Amino acid sequence: MKKNPQQLDMASYNLEVKKAYFLIFKNATKLLAAIEQDELRFTLERRDTKGTEIGIIHEFVNPILYLRLEHHTDGIMAIHFGIEQINQLGLLSYITTMFLRLLYKRTSKEATTVNIENCVRTDWFINSCSAAYEYIEQRNKYHDFKMIPRKMSNSHRKPILSVA
């Protein structure tokens, strides 16, 4: 059965949203890997294993960042997000700032083959990721617990001395 042009456009749109989401997810975990405290690298991750066409496809919950890919009833995919409010400058503030920049950069019409700028939704925004993390952790039914391994950023590594 051939798909009509509107279905093809929706399929292209959803594919671009999914690609952008998983690129953002991958980079978000790299940002979090720089944190020294283990508890701030703990994550709860949910993946749709049933292959359902409506609902949560992937959800990533961390005390600092939140990211969710959803397939809405209208057939399009959307990205919901959240950040923990950080009241002081430093690594955690840098991570939340870079996450927001990454989110909007990867979903901009300049970064994708299909304009997906509308996929980033703010109708449901998490502004206390730590509270969301604790809530889901206590009532966990669908999420897998993981810890992001620590990787020091280049600025925190010891300089390598070379011998001439």
N, C-alpha and C. Protein backbone atom coordinates (compact mmCIF):
# COMPACT_ATOMS: atom_id res chain seq x y z
N MET A 1 0.84 -1.18 0.00
CA MET A 1 0.00 0.00 0.00
C MET A 1 0.89 1.24 0.00
N LYS A 2 0.64 2.14 -0.94
CA LYS A 2 1.42 3.37 -1.03
C LYS A 2 0.92 4.39 -0.01
N LYS A 3 1.86 5.16 0.49
CA LYS A 3 1.50 6.22 1.42
C LYS A 3 1.21 7.50 0.64
N ASN A 4 0.23 8.25 1.11
CA ASN A 4 -0.05 9.52 0.44
C ASN A 4 1.02 10.54 0.83
N PRO A 5 1.13 11.66 0.09
CA PRO A 5 2.19 12.65 0.37
C PRO A 5 2.20 13.18 1.80
N GLN A 6 1.01 13.34 2.40
CA GLN A 6 0.96 13.84 3.77
C GLN A 6 1.59 12.83 4.74
N GLN A 7 1.33 11.53 4.51
CA GLN A 7 1.92 10.50 5.35
C GLN A 7 3.44 10.45 5.17
N LEU A 8 3.90 10.65 3.93
CA LEU A 8 5.33 10.67 3.67
C LEU A 8 5.98 11.85 4.37
N ASP A 9 5.33 13.02 4.33
CA ASP A 9 5.86 14.20 5.02
C ASP A 9 5.93 13.95 6.52
N MET A 10 4.89 13.32 7.08
CA MET A 10 4.87 13.03 8.52
C MET A 10 5.96 12.01 8.85
N ALA A 11 6.15 11.03 8.00
CA ALA A 11 7.19 10.03 8.24
C ALA A 11 8.58 10.67 8.20
N SER A 12 8.81 11.58 7.25
CA SER A 12 10.10 12.29 7.16
C SER A 12 10.31 13.16 8.39
N TYR A 13 9.25 13.86 8.78
CA TYR A 13 9.30 14.72 9.96
C TYR A 13 9.66 13.90 11.20
N ASN A 14 8.95 12.79 11.41
CA ASN A 14 9.17 11.95 12.58
C ASN A 14 10.57 11.34 12.59
N LEU A 15 11.05 10.96 11.43
CA LEU A 15 12.40 10.41 11.33
C LEU A 15 13.44 11.45 11.74
N GLU A 16 13.28 12.68 11.28
CA GLU A 16 14.21 13.76 11.65
C GLU A 16 14.14 14.07 13.14
N VAL A 17 12.92 14.06 13.70
CA VAL A 17 12.76 14.31 15.14
C VAL A 17 13.47 13.22 15.93
N LYS A 18 13.29 11.99 15.52
CA LYS A 18 13.91 10.85 16.22
C LYS A 18 15.44 10.93 16.13
N LYS A 19 15.96 11.25 14.96
CA LYS A 19 17.42 11.38 14.80
C LYS A 19 17.95 12.50 15.68
N ALA A 20 17.28 13.65 15.68
CA ALA A 20 17.71 14.79 16.49
C ALA A 20 17.65 14.43 17.98
N TYR A 21 16.57 13.78 18.40
CA TYR A 21 16.40 13.40 19.80
C TYR A 21 17.56 12.53 20.29
N PHE A 22 17.87 11.48 19.54
CA PHE A 22 18.91 10.57 20.00
C PHE A 22 20.31 11.20 19.93
N LEU A 23 20.50 12.16 19.05
CA LEU A 23 21.75 12.91 19.04
C LEU A 23 21.84 13.81 20.28
N ILE A 24 20.74 14.45 20.62
CA ILE A 24 20.68 15.28 21.84
C ILE A 24 20.91 14.40 23.07
N PHE A 25 20.26 13.25 23.11
CA PHE A 25 20.41 12.31 24.22
C PHE A 25 21.87 11.89 24.38
N LYS A 26 22.50 11.53 23.29
CA LYS A 26 23.90 11.10 23.32
C LYS A 26 24.80 12.21 23.86
N ASN A 27 24.58 13.43 23.38
CA ASN A 27 25.41 14.55 23.84
C ASN A 27 25.09 14.95 25.28
N ALA A 28 23.86 14.79 25.70
CA ALA A 28 23.49 15.09 27.09
C ALA A 28 24.21 14.15 28.05
N THR A 29 24.30 12.87 27.68
CA THR A 29 25.02 11.93 28.55
C THR A 29 26.51 12.26 28.59
N LYS A 30 27.05 12.76 27.50
CA LYS A 30 28.46 13.18 27.51
C LYS A 30 28.65 14.37 28.44
N LEU A 31 27.71 15.30 28.44
CA LEU A 31 27.81 16.45 29.35
C LEU A 31 27.78 15.98 30.81
N LEU A 32 26.87 15.06 31.11
CA LEU A 32 26.73 14.58 32.49
C LEU A 32 27.92 13.74 32.94
N ALA A 33 28.65 13.15 32.02
CA ALA A 33 29.81 12.31 32.36
C ALA A 33 30.92 13.10 33.04
N ALA A 34 30.91 14.41 32.90
CA ALA A 34 31.96 15.25 33.50
C ALA A 34 31.73 15.51 35.00
N ILE A 35 30.56 15.15 35.51
CA ILE A 35 30.24 15.42 36.92
C ILE A 35 30.95 14.42 37.83
N GLU A 36 31.56 14.95 38.88
CA GLU A 36 32.31 14.10 39.80
C GLU A 36 31.39 13.26 40.70
N GLN A 37 30.32 13.85 41.22
CA GLN A 37 29.44 13.13 42.16
C GLN A 37 28.66 12.05 41.43
N ASP A 38 28.78 10.81 41.92
CA ASP A 38 28.09 9.68 41.32
C ASP A 38 26.58 9.90 41.24
N GLU A 39 25.99 10.38 42.33
CA GLU A 39 24.53 10.50 42.40
C GLU A 39 23.96 11.45 41.35
N LEU A 40 24.77 12.35 40.84
CA LEU A 40 24.31 13.26 39.78
C LEU A 40 24.50 12.66 38.39
N ARG A 41 25.12 11.48 38.33
CA ARG A 41 25.25 10.76 37.06
C ARG A 41 24.31 9.56 37.00
N PHE A 42 23.51 9.37 38.06
CA PHE A 42 22.50 8.32 38.04
C PHE A 42 21.39 8.72 37.07
N THR A 43 20.87 7.74 36.35
CA THR A 43 19.78 8.02 35.41
C THR A 43 18.73 6.92 35.48
N LEU A 44 17.53 7.30 35.07
CA LEU A 44 16.45 6.35 34.87
C LEU A 44 16.07 6.49 33.40
N GLU A 45 16.06 5.37 32.71
CA GLU A 45 15.81 5.41 31.28
C GLU A 45 14.67 4.45 30.93
N ARG A 46 13.78 4.95 30.10
CA ARG A 46 12.63 4.16 29.67
C ARG A 46 12.62 4.09 28.14
N ARG A 47 12.49 2.88 27.63
CA ARG A 47 12.40 2.69 26.18
C ARG A 47 11.12 1.93 25.87
N ASP A 48 10.47 2.32 24.78
CA ASP A 48 9.28 1.61 24.34
C ASP A 48 9.71 0.28 23.75
N THR A 49 9.38 -0.80 24.43
CA THR A 49 9.77 -2.12 23.95
C THR A 49 8.61 -2.82 23.24
N LYS A 50 7.42 -2.26 23.36
CA LYS A 50 6.25 -2.88 22.75
C LYS A 50 6.06 -2.45 21.30
N GLY A 51 6.72 -1.38 20.89
CA GLY A 51 6.56 -0.89 19.53
C GLY A 51 5.24 -0.19 19.31
N THR A 52 4.65 0.35 20.37
CA THR A 52 3.38 1.04 20.22
C THR A 52 3.57 2.32 19.42
N GLU A 53 2.53 2.73 18.76
CA GLU A 53 2.63 3.90 17.88
C GLU A 53 2.29 5.19 18.60
N ILE A 54 1.70 5.11 19.77
CA ILE A 54 1.34 6.32 20.51
C ILE A 54 1.90 6.20 21.92
N GLY A 55 2.46 7.30 22.42
CA GLY A 55 2.98 7.31 23.78
C GLY A 55 4.46 7.58 23.84
N ILE A 56 5.06 7.19 24.94
CA ILE A 56 6.47 7.44 25.19
C ILE A 56 7.32 6.47 24.39
N ILE A 57 8.24 7.02 23.61
CA ILE A 57 9.18 6.20 22.85
C ILE A 57 10.46 6.03 23.66
N HIS A 58 10.91 7.13 24.28
CA HIS A 58 12.12 7.10 25.09
C HIS A 58 12.03 8.21 26.13
N GLU A 59 12.48 7.92 27.34
CA GLU A 59 12.49 8.93 28.39
C GLU A 59 13.79 8.78 29.17
N PHE A 60 14.41 9.92 29.43
CA PHE A 60 15.68 9.98 30.15
C PHE A 60 15.49 10.94 31.33
N VAL A 61 15.66 10.41 32.54
CA VAL A 61 15.46 11.21 33.75
C VAL A 61 16.75 11.18 34.56
N ASN A 62 17.20 12.36 34.94
CA ASN A 62 18.43 12.55 35.70
C ASN A 62 18.16 13.69 36.68
N PRO A 63 18.85 13.77 37.80
CA PRO A 63 18.61 14.87 38.73
C PRO A 63 18.86 16.27 38.14
N ILE A 64 19.54 16.35 37.00
CA ILE A 64 19.85 17.65 36.40
C ILE A 64 19.13 17.88 35.07
N LEU A 65 18.96 16.82 34.27
CA LEU A 65 18.36 16.94 32.94
C LEU A 65 17.21 15.95 32.76
N TYR A 66 16.26 16.36 31.93
CA TYR A 66 15.13 15.51 31.57
C TYR A 66 14.92 15.60 30.07
N LEU A 67 14.67 14.46 29.43
CA LEU A 67 14.46 14.44 27.99
C LEU A 67 13.49 13.31 27.66
N ARG A 68 12.52 13.62 26.80
CA ARG A 68 11.49 12.62 26.47
C ARG A 68 11.06 12.74 25.02
N LEU A 69 11.00 11.61 24.34
CA LEU A 69 10.51 11.54 22.96
C LEU A 69 9.16 10.85 23.00
N GLU A 70 8.16 11.54 22.45
CA GLU A 70 6.79 11.04 22.48
C GLU A 70 6.20 10.99 21.09
N HIS A 71 5.31 10.03 20.88
CA HIS A 71 4.55 9.95 19.65
C HIS A 71 3.11 10.32 20.03
N HIS A 72 2.66 11.47 19.54
CA HIS A 72 1.33 11.98 19.91
C HIS A 72 0.23 11.31 19.10
N THR A 73 -1.00 11.46 19.57
CA THR A 73 -2.15 10.85 18.91
C THR A 73 -2.38 11.42 17.51
N ASP A 74 -1.86 12.61 17.22
CA ASP A 74 -2.01 13.18 15.88
C ASP A 74 -0.98 12.63 14.90
N GLY A 75 -0.14 11.69 15.37
CA GLY A 75 0.81 11.02 14.49
C GLY A 75 2.20 11.64 14.44
N ILE A 76 2.41 12.76 15.11
CA ILE A 76 3.73 13.37 15.06
C ILE A 76 4.49 13.16 16.36
N MET A 77 5.80 13.20 16.25
CA MET A 77 6.66 13.04 17.42
C MET A 77 7.00 14.40 18.00
N ALA A 78 7.22 14.40 19.31
CA ALA A 78 7.56 15.64 20.00
C ALA A 78 8.62 15.35 21.05
N ILE A 79 9.38 16.38 21.36
CA ILE A 79 10.42 16.29 22.39
C ILE A 79 10.01 17.19 23.55
N HIS A 80 9.95 16.60 24.73
CA HIS A 80 9.74 17.35 25.97
C HIS A 80 11.06 17.35 26.71
N PHE A 81 11.30 18.38 27.49
CA PHE A 81 12.59 18.48 28.17
C PHE A 81 12.44 19.18 29.51
N GLY A 82 13.51 19.17 30.26
CA GLY A 82 13.53 19.88 31.53
C GLY A 82 14.97 20.04 32.01
N ILE A 83 15.14 21.02 32.85
CA ILE A 83 16.44 21.24 33.49
C ILE A 83 16.22 21.57 34.96
N GLU A 84 17.18 21.21 35.76
CA GLU A 84 17.17 21.58 37.18
C GLU A 84 17.58 23.04 37.28
N GLN A 85 16.91 23.78 38.11
CA GLN A 85 17.28 25.17 38.33
C GLN A 85 18.59 25.20 39.12
N ILE A 86 19.60 25.82 38.55
CA ILE A 86 20.92 25.91 39.19
C ILE A 86 21.16 27.38 39.53
N ASN A 87 21.41 27.67 40.80
CA ASN A 87 21.50 29.05 41.26
C ASN A 87 22.90 29.62 41.32
N GLN A 88 23.89 28.87 40.87
CA GLN A 88 25.25 29.40 40.92
C GLN A 88 26.01 28.97 39.68
N LEU A 89 26.97 29.78 39.31
CA LEU A 89 27.80 29.44 38.16
C LEU A 89 28.71 28.27 38.50
N GLY A 90 29.06 27.50 37.50
CA GLY A 90 29.93 26.35 37.71
C GLY A 90 29.57 25.26 36.71
N LEU A 91 30.05 24.07 36.96
CA LEU A 91 29.86 22.96 36.03
C LEU A 91 28.38 22.64 35.80
N LEU A 92 27.57 22.58 36.86
CA LEU A 92 26.16 22.22 36.69
C LEU A 92 25.41 23.26 35.88
N SER A 93 25.70 24.51 36.12
CA SER A 93 25.09 25.59 35.33
C SER A 93 25.53 25.49 33.87
N TYR A 94 26.79 25.18 33.66
CA TYR A 94 27.32 25.01 32.31
C TYR A 94 26.58 23.87 31.59
N ILE A 95 26.35 22.77 32.30
CA ILE A 95 25.69 21.60 31.71
C ILE A 95 24.26 21.95 31.30
N THR A 96 23.50 22.60 32.17
CA THR A 96 22.12 22.93 31.82
C THR A 96 22.06 23.94 30.67
N THR A 97 22.97 24.88 30.66
CA THR A 97 23.03 25.87 29.58
C THR A 97 23.37 25.20 28.25
N MET A 98 24.37 24.35 28.26
CA MET A 98 24.78 23.66 27.04
C MET A 98 23.70 22.70 26.54
N PHE A 99 22.98 22.09 27.47
CA PHE A 99 21.88 21.20 27.10
C PHE A 99 20.80 21.98 26.34
N LEU A 100 20.42 23.14 26.85
CA LEU A 100 19.41 23.96 26.17
C LEU A 100 19.89 24.41 24.79
N ARG A 101 21.14 24.83 24.71
CA ARG A 101 21.69 25.23 23.42
C ARG A 101 21.70 24.05 22.44
N LEU A 102 22.09 22.91 22.92
CA LEU A 102 22.13 21.70 22.11
C LEU A 102 20.74 21.33 21.61
N LEU A 103 19.77 21.38 22.50
CA LEU A 103 18.39 21.05 22.15
C LEU A 103 17.88 21.90 20.99
N TYR A 104 18.07 23.19 21.11
CA TYR A 104 17.56 24.08 20.06
C TYR A 104 18.44 24.09 18.82
N LYS A 105 19.72 23.86 18.98
CA LYS A 105 20.60 23.80 17.81
C LYS A 105 20.28 22.57 16.95
N ARG A 106 20.10 21.41 17.58
CA ARG A 106 19.87 20.16 16.85
C ARG A 106 18.47 20.06 16.26
N THR A 107 17.55 20.91 16.71
CA THR A 107 16.19 20.88 16.15
C THR A 107 15.90 22.10 15.28
N SER A 108 16.90 22.90 15.03
CA SER A 108 16.69 24.09 14.18
C SER A 108 16.54 23.66 12.72
N LYS A 109 15.86 24.48 11.95
CA LYS A 109 15.65 24.12 10.54
C LYS A 109 16.96 24.10 9.76
N GLU A 110 17.98 24.79 10.25
CA GLU A 110 19.29 24.78 9.60
C GLU A 110 20.03 23.45 9.83
N ALA A 111 19.67 22.73 10.87
CA ALA A 111 20.39 21.51 11.24
C ALA A 111 19.75 20.23 10.71
N THR A 112 18.55 20.35 10.14
CA THR A 112 17.83 19.15 9.71
C THR A 112 17.37 19.30 8.25
N THR A 113 17.08 18.16 7.64
CA THR A 113 16.61 18.19 6.25
C THR A 113 15.13 18.56 6.15
N VAL A 114 14.40 18.37 7.24
CA VAL A 114 12.99 18.74 7.34
C VAL A 114 12.87 19.70 8.51
N ASN A 115 12.06 20.74 8.38
CA ASN A 115 11.89 21.70 9.46
C ASN A 115 11.13 21.04 10.62
N ILE A 116 11.83 20.79 11.72
CA ILE A 116 11.22 20.14 12.89
C ILE A 116 11.20 21.07 14.11
N GLU A 117 11.33 22.35 13.90
CA GLU A 117 11.40 23.28 15.03
C GLU A 117 10.20 23.17 15.96
N ASN A 118 9.04 22.79 15.44
CA ASN A 118 7.84 22.67 16.28
C ASN A 118 7.84 21.44 17.17
N CYS A 119 8.82 20.57 17.02
CA CYS A 119 8.81 19.33 17.81
C CYS A 119 9.18 19.58 19.27
N VAL A 120 9.88 20.66 19.56
CA VAL A 120 10.25 20.96 20.94
C VAL A 120 9.05 21.59 21.62
N ARG A 121 8.53 20.90 22.61
CA ARG A 121 7.30 21.34 23.28
C ARG A 121 7.61 21.89 24.67
N THR A 122 6.92 22.96 25.00
CA THR A 122 7.06 23.54 26.33
C THR A 122 5.74 23.53 27.09
N ASP A 123 4.75 22.82 26.55
CA ASP A 123 3.46 22.73 27.24
C ASP A 123 3.55 21.86 28.49
N TRP A 124 4.60 21.11 28.58
CA TRP A 124 4.83 20.23 29.73
C TRP A 124 6.32 20.26 30.00
N PHE A 125 6.73 21.15 30.91
CA PHE A 125 8.14 21.44 31.14
C PHE A 125 8.52 21.04 32.57
N ILE A 126 9.63 20.33 32.72
CA ILE A 126 10.12 19.91 34.04
C ILE A 126 11.14 20.96 34.50
N ASN A 127 10.87 21.63 35.62
CA ASN A 127 11.81 22.62 36.14
C ASN A 127 12.44 22.17 37.45
N SER A 128 12.15 20.95 37.85
CA SER A 128 12.81 20.36 39.01
C SER A 128 13.08 18.88 38.68
N CYS A 129 14.15 18.67 37.95
CA CYS A 129 14.49 17.31 37.51
C CYS A 129 14.79 16.41 38.70
N SER A 130 15.38 16.98 39.75
CA SER A 130 15.71 16.16 40.93
C SER A 130 14.44 15.61 41.58
N ALA A 131 13.39 16.42 41.65
CA ALA A 131 12.12 15.96 42.21
C ALA A 131 11.48 14.91 41.30
N ALA A 132 11.53 15.12 40.00
CA ALA A 132 10.99 14.14 39.05
C ALA A 132 11.75 12.82 39.15
N TYR A 133 13.07 12.91 39.27
CA TYR A 133 13.91 11.72 39.40
C TYR A 133 13.52 10.93 40.66
N GLU A 134 13.41 11.62 41.79
CA GLU A 134 13.06 10.95 43.04
C GLU A 134 11.68 10.31 42.96
N TYR A 135 10.72 11.02 42.37
CA TYR A 135 9.36 10.51 42.25
C TYR A 135 9.34 9.22 41.42
N ILE A 136 10.00 9.25 40.27
CA ILE A 136 10.01 8.08 39.39
C ILE A 136 10.81 6.94 40.02
N GLU A 137 11.90 7.27 40.69
CA GLU A 137 12.74 6.25 41.33
C GLU A 137 11.93 5.48 42.40
N GLN A 138 11.12 6.19 43.16
CA GLN A 138 10.34 5.57 44.23
C GLN A 138 9.18 4.73 43.71
N ARG A 139 8.64 5.10 42.55
CA ARG A 139 7.47 4.42 42.01
C ARG A 139 7.80 3.68 40.70
N ASN A 140 9.03 3.34 40.52
CA ASN A 140 9.52 2.83 39.25
C ASN A 140 8.81 1.56 38.79
N LYS A 141 8.24 1.64 37.57
CA LYS A 141 7.63 0.48 36.94
C LYS A 141 8.23 0.23 35.56
N TYR A 142 8.70 1.28 34.91
CA TYR A 142 9.07 1.18 33.50
C TYR A 142 10.52 1.56 33.20
N HIS A 143 11.22 2.14 34.14
CA HIS A 143 12.54 2.70 33.89
C HIS A 143 13.66 1.77 34.36
N ASP A 144 14.77 1.80 33.63
CA ASP A 144 15.97 1.08 34.02
C ASP A 144 16.94 2.05 34.67
N PHE A 145 17.51 1.63 35.80
CA PHE A 145 18.50 2.44 36.49
C PHE A 145 19.85 2.26 35.81
N LYS A 146 20.53 3.36 35.55
CA LYS A 146 21.87 3.32 34.97
C LYS A 146 22.72 4.41 35.62
N MET A 147 24.02 4.22 35.54
CA MET A 147 24.93 5.28 35.96
C MET A 147 25.85 5.59 34.80
N ILE A 148 25.94 6.85 34.47
CA ILE A 148 26.82 7.28 33.38
C ILE A 148 28.25 7.23 33.92
N PRO A 149 29.15 6.53 33.23
CA PRO A 149 30.55 6.48 33.69
C PRO A 149 31.17 7.87 33.64
N ARG A 150 32.03 8.15 34.60
CA ARG A 150 32.67 9.47 34.65
C ARG A 150 33.78 9.56 33.62
N LYS A 151 33.76 10.64 32.89
CA LYS A 151 34.83 10.95 31.94
C LYS A 151 35.21 12.39 32.16
N MET A 152 36.45 12.59 32.48
CA MET A 152 36.92 13.94 32.74
C MET A 152 36.99 14.71 31.43
N SER A 153 36.58 15.96 31.49
CA SER A 153 36.69 16.80 30.31
C SER A 153 38.15 17.17 30.09
N ASN A 154 38.47 17.62 28.91
CA ASN A 154 39.85 17.98 28.58
C ASN A 154 40.42 19.03 29.52
N SER A 155 39.57 19.94 29.98
CA SER A 155 40.08 21.00 30.85
C SER A 155 40.42 20.49 32.25
N HIS A 156 39.91 19.30 32.64
CA HIS A 156 40.19 18.75 33.96
C HIS A 156 41.31 17.70 33.95
N ARG A 157 41.77 17.33 32.80
CA ARG A 157 42.81 16.30 32.72
C ARG A 157 44.18 16.92 32.99
N LYS A 158 45.08 16.06 33.46
CA LYS A 158 46.44 16.50 33.70
C LYS A 158 47.13 16.69 32.35
N PRO A 159 47.92 17.73 32.23
CA PRO A 159 48.63 17.93 30.97
C PRO A 159 49.65 16.82 30.73
N ILE A 160 49.80 16.44 29.49
CA ILE A 160 50.77 15.41 29.13
C ILE A 160 52.05 16.12 28.73
N LEU A 161 53.12 15.74 29.38
CA LEU A 161 54.42 16.34 29.07
C LEU A 161 55.11 15.51 28.01
N SER A 162 55.65 16.17 27.05
CA SER A 162 56.36 15.42 26.01
C SER A 162 57.85 15.66 26.17
N VAL A 163 58.58 14.65 25.79
CA VAL A 163 60.04 14.74 25.87
C VAL A 163 60.57 14.99 24.48
N ALA A 164 61.42 15.99 24.35
CA ALA A 164 61.95 16.35 23.05
C ALA A 164 63.17 15.54 22.71
